[in-house]
Amino acid sequence: MANEVVHVLLTDYGQYGWGITSPQLPELVGGRDSFREMCADLKDILAFGGAPEGAQVVVHRQMYVVVPGGDEACIVRFAKDEYEFDRFEAGMRLTGVLRDADQRAKIMAGPKLATGERLFICAVPSDTVRWLSEQLLPGEVASLVSSFADEWIGGGKPIAEMPFGHAAKAPEGQEKHWSPLSDAGLTADSTLADMLMAREAGKIDKDAPLVAC
């Protein structure tokens, strides 16, 4: 279907090459030695993985980062689109936050993936709930980070950070710690800017992930 969106996650495994996965193509598995090879073969890999003909393909790069001062790891993801520079800047600022012990402890304290890593998605104000949730499997949680915090309420922060989860409802036993979209007056078409405004207005718990269906 021409209006279907397929998010493709290209993961940098360092000396082990590059891997490919997609939330929309759960059986897609592949790898190449270099990013260039992966991009050159991407069309054929997706066709083999069952991508619908004419689907809109959104490519994301992500990498594993060992957090300074410990043995924890996180995953940093950014889309290769017209906002790639802004997303990369958010990733660079995130790196600076991770190097500071106090800031690092706070940003790494949130929910993590089942595999134990914290996933950071480098976002921009116009990213919608729908577009962001399409990058996640049901039940997954990420932290949205954006470099436009300098222009936001209060200013002076290196990044704006928003915990964000993709699930029909909060995980059992965690209902009090997750904020549903409806409680915040948000919809799937709401943007990251809308989410942050809702949080500033007290409609979203500052530390609780926002649940998107």
C-alpha atoms as a PDB file:
ATOM      1  CA  MET A   1       0.000   0.000   0.000  1.00  0.00           C
ATOM      2  CA  ALA A   2       1.382   3.363  -1.041  1.00  0.00           C
ATOM      3  CA  ASN A   3       0.294   5.110   2.182  1.00  0.00           C
ATOM      4  CA  GLU A   4       1.874   2.509   4.475  1.00  0.00           C
ATOM      5  CA  VAL A   5       4.962   3.602   6.408  1.00  0.00           C
ATOM      6  CA  VAL A   6       7.847   1.231   7.093  1.00  0.00           C
ATOM      7  CA  HIS A   7      10.441   2.379   9.614  1.00  0.00           C
ATOM      8  CA  VAL A   8      13.814   0.746   8.946  1.00  0.00           C
ATOM      9  CA  LEU A   9      16.348   0.651  11.788  1.00  0.00           C
ATOM     10  CA  LEU A  10      19.986   0.360  10.698  1.00  0.00           C
ATOM     11  CA  THR A  11      22.180  -0.464  13.676  1.00  0.00           C
ATOM     12  CA  ASP A  12      25.909   0.174  13.837  1.00  0.00           C
ATOM     13  CA  TYR A  13      27.619  -2.757  15.604  1.00  0.00           C
ATOM     14  CA  GLY A  14      31.128  -1.365  15.145  1.00  0.00           C
ATOM     15  CA  GLN A  15      33.588  -4.009  13.997  1.00  0.00           C
ATOM     16  CA  TYR A  16      30.710  -6.449  13.540  1.00  0.00           C
ATOM     17  CA  GLY A  17      29.088  -4.406  10.784  1.00  0.00           C
ATOM     18  CA  TRP A  18      25.522  -3.181  10.380  1.00  0.00           C
ATOM     19  CA  GLY A  19      22.203  -4.880  11.126  1.00  0.00           C
ATOM     20  CA  ILE A  20      18.680  -4.125   9.928  1.00  0.00           C
ATOM     21  CA  THR A  21      15.279  -4.504  11.635  1.00  0.00           C
ATOM     22  CA  SER A  22      11.832  -2.951  11.330  1.00  0.00           C
ATOM     23  CA  PRO A  23       8.836  -2.786  13.702  1.00  0.00           C
ATOM     24  CA  GLN A  24       6.561  -3.210  10.663  1.00  0.00           C
ATOM     25  CA  LEU A  25       8.520  -6.227   9.332  1.00  0.00           C
ATOM     26  CA  PRO A  26       9.089  -8.486  12.353  1.00  0.00           C
ATOM     27  CA  GLU A  27      10.702 -11.239  10.256  1.00  0.00           C
ATOM     28  CA  LEU A  28      13.224  -8.894   8.641  1.00  0.00           C
ATOM     29  CA  VAL A  29      16.780  -9.844   9.561  1.00  0.00           C
ATOM     30  CA  GLY A  30      19.911  -8.883   7.683  1.00  0.00           C
ATOM     31  CA  GLY A  31      23.352  -7.403   7.869  1.00  0.00           C
ATOM     32  CA  ARG A  32      26.201  -5.917   5.883  1.00  0.00           C
ATOM     33  CA  ASP A  33      29.822  -5.070   6.641  1.00  0.00           C
ATOM     34  CA  SER A  34      29.395  -1.335   6.065  1.00  0.00           C
ATOM     35  CA  PHE A  35      26.733   1.360   6.024  1.00  0.00           C
ATOM     36  CA  ARG A  36      27.420   1.978   2.342  1.00  0.00           C
ATOM     37  CA  GLU A  37      26.784  -1.673   1.504  1.00  0.00           C
ATOM     38  CA  MET A  38      23.610  -1.655   3.579  1.00  0.00           C
ATOM     39  CA  CYS A  39      22.250   1.389   1.751  1.00  0.00           C
ATOM     40  CA  ALA A  40      23.185  -0.054  -1.649  1.00  0.00           C
ATOM     41  CA  ASP A  41      21.302  -3.283  -0.942  1.00  0.00           C
ATOM     42  CA  LEU A  42      18.467  -1.779   1.096  1.00  0.00           C
ATOM     43  CA  LYS A  43      15.776  -2.011  -1.589  1.00  0.00           C
ATOM     44  CA  ASP A  44      16.453  -5.708  -2.207  1.00  0.00           C
ATOM     45  CA  ILE A  45      16.689  -6.480   1.524  1.00  0.00           C
ATOM     46  CA  LEU A  46      13.325  -4.837   2.203  1.00  0.00           C
ATOM     47  CA  ALA A  47      11.663  -6.606  -0.715  1.00  0.00           C
ATOM     48  CA  PHE A  48      12.963  -9.928   0.591  1.00  0.00           C
ATOM     49  CA  GLY A  49      11.719  -8.992   4.062  1.00  0.00           C
ATOM     50  CA  GLY A  50       8.171  -8.453   2.806  1.00  0.00           C
ATOM     51  CA  ALA A  51       7.924  -4.672   2.607  1.00  0.00           C
ATOM     52  CA  PRO A  52       4.684  -3.675   0.801  1.00  0.00           C
ATOM     53  CA  GLU A  53       5.248  -2.348  -2.701  1.00  0.00           C
ATOM     54  CA  GLY A  54       5.076   1.439  -2.758  1.00  0.00           C
ATOM     55  CA  ALA A  55       5.368   1.811   1.014  1.00  0.00           C
ATOM     56  CA  GLN A  56       6.985   4.962   2.385  1.00  0.00           C
ATOM     57  CA  VAL A  57      10.333   3.905   3.851  1.00  0.00           C
ATOM     58  CA  VAL A  58      11.823   5.927   6.712  1.00  0.00           C
ATOM     59  CA  VAL A  59      15.441   5.044   7.446  1.00  0.00           C
ATOM     60  CA  HIS A  60      16.861   5.483  10.949  1.00  0.00           C
ATOM     61  CA  ARG A  61      20.466   5.055  12.041  1.00  0.00           C
ATOM     62  CA  GLN A  62      21.159   3.892  15.561  1.00  0.00           C
ATOM     63  CA  MET A  63      24.216   3.001  17.565  1.00  0.00           C
ATOM     64  CA  TYR A  64      25.078   1.448  20.901  1.00  0.00           C
ATOM     65  CA  VAL A  65      26.848   3.805  23.287  1.00  0.00           C
ATOM     66  CA  VAL A  66      28.608   2.653  26.453  1.00  0.00           C
ATOM     67  CA  VAL A  67      27.698   5.156  29.140  1.00  0.00           C
ATOM     68  CA  PRO A  68      30.759   6.860  30.697  1.00  0.00           C
ATOM     69  CA  GLY A  69      31.542   5.898  34.256  1.00  0.00           C
ATOM     70  CA  GLY A  70      29.937   2.461  34.198  1.00  0.00           C
ATOM     71  CA  ASP A  71      29.009  -0.604  32.221  1.00  0.00           C
ATOM     72  CA  GLU A  72      25.519   0.551  31.187  1.00  0.00           C
ATOM     73  CA  ALA A  73      24.699   0.983  27.507  1.00  0.00           C
ATOM     74  CA  CYS A  74      22.151   3.006  25.610  1.00  0.00           C
ATOM     75  CA  ILE A  75      20.920   3.147  22.025  1.00  0.00           C
ATOM     76  CA  VAL A  76      20.843   6.487  20.213  1.00  0.00           C
ATOM     77  CA  ARG A  77      18.589   6.702  17.135  1.00  0.00           C
ATOM     78  CA  PHE A  78      18.012   9.425  14.558  1.00  0.00           C
ATOM     79  CA  ALA A  79      16.068   9.453  11.299  1.00  0.00           C
ATOM     80  CA  LYS A  80      17.737  10.242   7.989  1.00  0.00           C
ATOM     81  CA  ASP A  81      15.263  12.874   6.834  1.00  0.00           C
ATOM     82  CA  GLU A  82      15.112  16.609   6.207  1.00  0.00           C
ATOM     83  CA  TYR A  83      15.698  17.216   9.926  1.00  0.00           C
ATOM     84  CA  GLU A  84      18.728  14.955  10.143  1.00  0.00           C
ATOM     85  CA  PHE A  85      21.065  17.801  11.183  1.00  0.00           C
ATOM     86  CA  ASP A  86      18.793  18.813  14.084  1.00  0.00           C
ATOM     87  CA  ARG A  87      18.477  15.184  15.171  1.00  0.00           C
ATOM     88  CA  PHE A  88      22.247  14.747  15.045  1.00  0.00           C
ATOM     89  CA  GLU A  89      22.701  17.901  17.135  1.00  0.00           C
ATOM     90  CA  ALA A  90      20.337  16.454  19.755  1.00  0.00           C
ATOM     91  CA  GLY A  91      22.447  13.298  19.775  1.00  0.00           C
ATOM     92  CA  MET A  92      25.619  15.310  20.281  1.00  0.00           C
ATOM     93  CA  ARG A  93      24.068  17.212  23.170  1.00  0.00           C
ATOM     94  CA  LEU A  94      22.904  13.925  24.664  1.00  0.00           C
ATOM     95  CA  THR A  95      26.512  12.735  24.569  1.00  0.00           C
ATOM     96  CA  GLY A  96      27.473  15.789  26.604  1.00  0.00           C
ATOM     97  CA  VAL A  97      24.737  15.067  29.151  1.00  0.00           C
ATOM     98  CA  LEU A  98      25.945  11.473  29.517  1.00  0.00           C
ATOM     99  CA  ARG A  99      29.446  12.723  30.335  1.00  0.00           C
ATOM    100  CA  ASP A 100      28.186  14.688  33.334  1.00  0.00           C
ATOM    101  CA  ALA A 101      27.646  12.442  36.361  1.00  0.00           C
ATOM    102  CA  ASP A 102      24.643  14.316  37.792  1.00  0.00           C
ATOM    103  CA  GLN A 103      22.818  14.709  34.495  1.00  0.00           C
ATOM    104  CA  ARG A 104      23.714  11.149  33.476  1.00  0.00           C
ATOM    105  CA  ALA A 105      22.206   9.644  36.617  1.00  0.00           C
ATOM    106  CA  LYS A 106      18.897  11.413  36.021  1.00  0.00           C
ATOM    107  CA  ILE A 107      18.522  10.699  32.317  1.00  0.00           C
ATOM    108  CA  MET A 108      19.476   7.022  32.716  1.00  0.00           C
ATOM    109  CA  ALA A 109      17.009   6.491  35.579  1.00  0.00           C
ATOM    110  CA  GLY A 110      13.935   6.071  33.360  1.00  0.00           C
ATOM    111  CA  PRO A 111      12.322   2.940  31.881  1.00  0.00           C
ATOM    112  CA  LYS A 112      14.522   0.697  29.751  1.00  0.00           C
ATOM    113  CA  LEU A 113      14.054  -1.837  26.981  1.00  0.00           C
ATOM    114  CA  ALA A 114      13.581  -5.489  27.852  1.00  0.00           C
ATOM    115  CA  THR A 115      17.221  -6.024  26.862  1.00  0.00           C
ATOM    116  CA  GLY A 116      18.358  -3.537  29.523  1.00  0.00           C
ATOM    117  CA  GLU A 117      19.392  -0.564  27.372  1.00  0.00           C
ATOM    118  CA  ARG A 118      17.862   2.898  27.438  1.00  0.00           C
ATOM    119  CA  LEU A 119      16.646   3.929  23.970  1.00  0.00           C
ATOM    120  CA  PHE A 120      17.018   7.598  23.020  1.00  0.00           C
ATOM    121  CA  ILE A 121      15.203   8.845  19.914  1.00  0.00           C
ATOM    122  CA  CYS A 122      16.551  12.154  18.625  1.00  0.00           C
ATOM    123  CA  ALA A 123      13.408  14.122  17.830  1.00  0.00           C
ATOM    124  CA  VAL A 124      12.282  17.520  16.540  1.00  0.00           C
ATOM    125  CA  PRO A 125       9.265  19.596  17.679  1.00  0.00           C
ATOM    126  CA  SER A 126       7.131  18.602  14.661  1.00  0.00           C
ATOM    127  CA  ASP A 127       7.463  14.826  15.170  1.00  0.00           C
ATOM    128  CA  THR A 128       4.008  13.396  15.871  1.00  0.00           C
ATOM    129  CA  VAL A 129       2.927  10.795  18.388  1.00  0.00           C
ATOM    130  CA  ARG A 130       1.930   8.515  15.503  1.00  0.00           C
ATOM    131  CA  TRP A 131       5.290   8.825  13.729  1.00  0.00           C
ATOM    132  CA  LEU A 132       7.239   8.256  16.932  1.00  0.00           C
ATOM    133  CA  SER A 133       5.170   5.293  18.096  1.00  0.00           C
ATOM    134  CA  GLU A 134       5.548   3.625  14.680  1.00  0.00           C
ATOM    135  CA  GLN A 135       9.257   3.279  15.486  1.00  0.00           C
ATOM    136  CA  LEU A 136       8.508   1.121  18.525  1.00  0.00           C
ATOM    137  CA  LEU A 137       7.161  -2.358  19.064  1.00  0.00           C
ATOM    138  CA  PRO A 138       4.097  -2.629  21.323  1.00  0.00           C
ATOM    139  CA  GLY A 139       5.285  -2.400  24.907  1.00  0.00           C
ATOM    140  CA  GLU A 140       8.570  -0.666  24.095  1.00  0.00           C
ATOM    141  CA  VAL A 141       9.562   2.579  25.760  1.00  0.00           C
ATOM    142  CA  ALA A 142      12.003   5.254  24.657  1.00  0.00           C
ATOM    143  CA  SER A 143      13.203   8.683  25.704  1.00  0.00           C
ATOM    144  CA  LEU A 144      12.622  11.466  23.187  1.00  0.00           C
ATOM    145  CA  VAL A 145      15.422  14.032  23.180  1.00  0.00           C
ATOM    146  CA  SER A 146      15.480  17.312  21.300  1.00  0.00           C
ATOM    147  CA  SER A 147      18.010  20.123  21.016  1.00  0.00           C
ATOM    148  CA  PHE A 148      15.407  22.892  20.857  1.00  0.00           C
ATOM    149  CA  ALA A 149      15.384  23.159  24.670  1.00  0.00           C
ATOM    150  CA  ASP A 150      17.317  26.452  24.426  1.00  0.00           C
ATOM    151  CA  GLU A 151      14.224  28.057  22.938  1.00  0.00           C
ATOM    152  CA  TRP A 152      11.794  26.345  25.301  1.00  0.00           C
ATOM    153  CA  ILE A 153      10.233  27.522  28.526  1.00  0.00           C
ATOM    154  CA  GLY A 154      12.997  28.327  31.007  1.00  0.00           C
ATOM    155  CA  GLY A 155      15.784  27.781  28.473  1.00  0.00           C
ATOM    156  CA  GLY A 156      19.341  27.008  29.415  1.00  0.00           C
ATOM    157  CA  LYS A 157      18.997  23.221  29.105  1.00  0.00           C
ATOM    158  CA  PRO A 158      21.170  21.193  26.706  1.00  0.00           C
ATOM    159  CA  ILE A 159      18.239  18.987  25.650  1.00  0.00           C
ATOM    160  CA  ALA A 160      14.540  18.495  26.239  1.00  0.00           C
ATOM    161  CA  GLU A 161      13.710  14.921  27.282  1.00  0.00           C
ATOM    162  CA  MET A 162      10.333  13.133  27.253  1.00  0.00           C
ATOM    163  CA  PRO A 163       9.783   9.495  28.308  1.00  0.00           C
ATOM    164  CA  PHE A 164       7.510   7.871  25.716  1.00  0.00           C
ATOM    165  CA  GLY A 165       5.980   4.397  25.405  1.00  0.00           C
ATOM    166  CA  HIS A 166       4.040   2.508  22.745  1.00  0.00           C
ATOM    167  CA  ALA A 167       1.316   0.346  24.260  1.00  0.00           C
ATOM    168  CA  ALA A 168      -2.450   0.023  24.236  1.00  0.00           C
ATOM    169  CA  LYS A 169      -2.269   0.662  27.968  1.00  0.00           C
ATOM    170  CA  ALA A 170       0.320   0.933  30.704  1.00  0.00           C
ATOM    171  CA  PRO A 171       1.996  -2.342  31.680  1.00  0.00           C
ATOM    172  CA  GLU A 172       0.247  -4.208  34.487  1.00  0.00           C
ATOM    173  CA  GLY A 173       1.255  -2.794  37.832  1.00  0.00           C
ATOM    174  CA  GLN A 174       2.614   0.405  36.281  1.00  0.00           C
ATOM    175  CA  GLU A 175      -0.670   2.239  35.627  1.00  0.00           C
ATOM    176  CA  LYS A 176       0.077   4.982  38.156  1.00  0.00           C
ATOM    177  CA  HIS A 177       3.450   5.664  36.571  1.00  0.00           C
ATOM    178  CA  TRP A 178       2.334   6.103  32.931  1.00  0.00           C
ATOM    179  CA  SER A 179       0.409   9.044  31.434  1.00  0.00           C
ATOM    180  CA  PRO A 180      -2.297   8.156  28.845  1.00  0.00           C
ATOM    181  CA  LEU A 181      -2.667  10.414  25.801  1.00  0.00           C
ATOM    182  CA  SER A 182      -6.323  11.105  26.580  1.00  0.00           C
ATOM    183  CA  ASP A 183      -5.520  12.385  30.089  1.00  0.00           C
ATOM    184  CA  ALA A 184      -3.227  14.988  28.575  1.00  0.00           C
ATOM    185  CA  GLY A 185      -5.693  16.014  25.857  1.00  0.00           C
ATOM    186  CA  LEU A 186      -3.394  14.653  23.134  1.00  0.00           C
ATOM    187  CA  THR A 187      -4.003  12.538  20.039  1.00  0.00           C
ATOM    188  CA  ALA A 188      -1.909  10.539  17.588  1.00  0.00           C
ATOM    189  CA  ASP A 189      -1.500  13.739  15.543  1.00  0.00           C
ATOM    190  CA  SER A 190      -0.102  15.733  18.466  1.00  0.00           C
ATOM    191  CA  THR A 191       3.531  16.762  18.148  1.00  0.00           C
ATOM    192  CA  LEU A 192       6.491  16.616  20.490  1.00  0.00           C
ATOM    193  CA  ALA A 193       5.996  20.350  21.033  1.00  0.00           C
ATOM    194  CA  ASP A 194       2.402  19.619  22.118  1.00  0.00           C
ATOM    195  CA  MET A 195       3.637  16.922  24.506  1.00  0.00           C
ATOM    196  CA  LEU A 196       6.140  19.251  26.140  1.00  0.00           C
ATOM    197  CA  MET A 197       3.543  22.018  26.446  1.00  0.00           C
ATOM    198  CA  ALA A 198       1.160  19.553  28.114  1.00  0.00           C
ATOM    199  CA  ARG A 199       3.903  18.571  30.545  1.00  0.00           C
ATOM    200  CA  GLU A 200       4.717  22.193  31.362  1.00  0.00           C
ATOM    201  CA  ALA A 201       0.995  22.736  32.027  1.00  0.00           C
ATOM    202  CA  GLY A 202       0.979  19.853  34.503  1.00  0.00           C
ATOM    203  CA  LYS A 203      -1.158  17.531  32.366  1.00  0.00           C
ATOM    204  CA  ILE A 204       1.644  14.938  32.180  1.00  0.00           C
ATOM    205  CA  ASP A 205       3.783  13.699  35.050  1.00  0.00           C
ATOM    206  CA  LYS A 206       7.268  15.089  34.469  1.00  0.00           C
ATOM    207  CA  ASP A 207       8.887  11.699  35.024  1.00  0.00           C
ATOM    208  CA  ALA A 208       6.218   9.295  33.717  1.00  0.00           C
ATOM    209  CA  PRO A 209       6.274   7.940  30.156  1.00  0.00           C
ATOM    210  CA  LEU A 210       3.460   9.084  27.892  1.00  0.00           C
ATOM    211  CA  VAL A 211       1.553   6.049  26.591  1.00  0.00           C
ATOM    212  CA  ALA A 212       0.678   6.048  22.867  1.00  0.00           C
ATOM    213  CA  CYS A 213      -1.536   3.407  21.289  1.00  0.00           C
END
